Amino acid sequence: MSFEHYQPPDKFCLSRCEKEEIKLMLAALRKLTSTTWNAASQQGGKGPNKTGLAPTQYKDHELRHVKRPTGISADLGIIGIRASQKSRIFGVRSREVYFVLWFDRNHEIVKA
Protein backbone atom coordinates (compact mmCIF):
# COMPACT_ATOMS: atom_id res chain seq x y z
CA MET A 1 0.00 0.00 0.00
CA SER A 2 1.20 3.50 -0.79
CA PHE A 3 0.03 7.06 -0.19
CA GLU A 4 2.42 8.46 -2.80
CA HIS A 5 -0.45 9.87 -4.91
CA TYR A 6 -2.87 10.65 -2.05
CA GLN A 7 -4.78 13.85 -2.74
CA PRO A 8 -5.24 15.83 0.52
CA PRO A 9 -6.44 18.32 1.51
CA ASP A 10 -9.79 18.25 -0.20
CA LYS A 11 -13.33 17.02 0.25
CA PHE A 12 -12.16 13.39 0.10
CA CYS A 13 -9.42 13.61 2.72
CA LEU A 14 -9.38 11.26 5.71
CA SER A 15 -9.41 14.34 7.98
CA ARG A 16 -13.00 15.06 6.83
CA CYS A 17 -14.21 11.75 8.28
CA GLU A 18 -15.78 11.27 11.69
CA LYS A 19 -13.96 9.16 14.30
CA GLU A 20 -16.01 6.00 13.59
CA GLU A 21 -15.61 6.45 9.83
CA ILE A 22 -11.83 6.70 10.25
CA LYS A 23 -11.87 3.43 12.21
CA LEU A 24 -13.80 1.73 9.40
CA MET A 25 -11.50 3.15 6.72
CA LEU A 26 -8.37 1.99 8.56
CA ALA A 27 -9.91 -1.43 9.23
CA ALA A 28 -10.55 -1.81 5.49
CA LEU A 29 -6.95 -0.86 4.68
CA ARG A 30 -5.69 -3.28 7.32
CA LYS A 31 -7.85 -6.03 5.82
CA LEU A 32 -6.58 -5.19 2.34
CA THR A 33 -2.96 -5.56 3.45
CA SER A 34 -3.64 -8.93 5.03
CA THR A 35 -5.20 -10.60 2.00
CA THR A 36 -4.36 -11.25 -1.64
CA TRP A 37 -6.00 -9.33 -4.47
CA ASN A 38 -7.61 -12.53 -5.65
CA ALA A 39 -9.13 -13.18 -2.21
CA ALA A 40 -10.24 -9.55 -1.88
CA SER A 41 -12.02 -9.70 -5.24
CA GLN A 42 -14.02 -12.69 -4.00
CA GLN A 43 -15.37 -10.68 -1.06
CA GLY A 44 -18.62 -8.83 -1.26
CA GLY A 45 -22.27 -9.37 -1.69
CA LYS A 46 -24.88 -7.43 -3.60
CA GLY A 47 -28.16 -6.07 -2.29
CA PRO A 48 -28.88 -4.86 1.23
CA ASN A 49 -26.31 -7.12 2.93
CA LYS A 50 -23.12 -5.95 1.26
CA THR A 51 -20.02 -7.36 2.92
CA GLY A 52 -16.27 -7.53 2.38
CA LEU A 53 -13.90 -5.23 0.54
CA ALA A 54 -15.51 -5.84 -2.86
CA PRO A 55 -12.88 -4.09 -5.00
CA THR A 56 -14.65 -2.48 -7.95
CA GLN A 57 -12.88 -0.96 -10.93
CA TYR A 58 -14.26 2.25 -12.48
CA LYS A 59 -13.55 4.14 -15.66
CA ASP A 60 -12.67 7.82 -15.34
CA HIS A 61 -16.01 8.94 -16.82
CA GLU A 62 -17.84 7.12 -13.98
CA LEU A 63 -16.14 9.25 -11.31
CA ARG A 64 -17.72 12.43 -9.94
CA HIS A 65 -16.04 15.31 -8.07
CA VAL A 66 -12.49 13.99 -8.66
CA LYS A 67 -9.95 13.76 -11.47
CA ARG A 68 -7.21 11.24 -12.03
CA PRO A 69 -4.02 12.67 -10.53
CA THR A 70 -1.22 13.68 -12.86
CA GLY A 71 1.31 10.90 -13.03
CA ILE A 72 -1.22 8.06 -12.72
CA SER A 73 -1.32 6.15 -16.00
CA ALA A 74 -4.69 5.90 -17.75
CA ASP A 75 -3.92 2.18 -18.08
CA LEU A 76 -4.56 1.79 -14.34
CA GLY A 77 -8.23 1.58 -13.44
CA ILE A 78 -9.51 3.45 -10.41
CA ILE A 79 -10.52 0.84 -7.82
CA GLY A 80 -12.99 1.45 -5.01
CA ILE A 81 -12.67 -0.59 -1.81
CA ARG A 82 -15.68 -0.89 0.49
CA ALA A 83 -15.01 0.36 4.04
CA SER A 84 -18.69 0.37 5.08
CA GLN A 85 -22.14 0.47 3.50
CA LYS A 86 -21.59 4.08 2.40
CA SER A 87 -17.81 4.62 2.69
CA ARG A 88 -15.26 3.80 0.00
CA ILE A 89 -11.52 4.16 -0.42
CA PHE A 90 -10.41 4.87 -3.98
CA GLY A 91 -7.03 4.21 -5.48
CA VAL A 92 -5.18 2.45 -8.25
CA ARG A 93 -3.36 -0.84 -8.26
CA SER A 94 -0.01 -1.32 -9.93
CA ARG A 95 1.24 -4.87 -9.56
CA GLU A 96 0.72 -5.68 -5.89
CA VAL A 97 0.67 -2.07 -4.63
CA TYR A 98 -2.59 -0.20 -3.95
CA PHE A 99 -2.04 3.55 -4.24
CA VAL A 100 -4.64 5.32 -2.08
CA LEU A 101 -6.12 8.45 -3.70
CA TRP A 102 -9.34 9.43 -1.90
CA PHE A 103 -11.50 8.59 1.13
CA ASP A 104 -15.18 8.88 0.19
CA ARG A 105 -17.29 8.92 3.37
CA ASN A 106 -20.68 9.40 1.66
CA HIS A 107 -20.47 7.37 -1.56
CA GLU A 108 -20.21 10.57 -3.65
CA ILE A 109 -17.45 9.65 -6.09
CA VAL A 110 -19.55 7.01 -7.84
CA LYS A 111 -23.30 6.58 -7.82
CA ALA A 112 -24.54 4.17 -5.17
Foldseek 3Di string as FASTA:
>chain_A
DAQPQADDDDPFDLVVDDPVLNVLVVVQVVVLVVDAPVVQCPAFDDDPDTDGFNKDFDQQVQFPPDHDDPPDDSVWTWIWTDSDPAWTWIFTDDPRDTHTYGIGRGNRGGDD
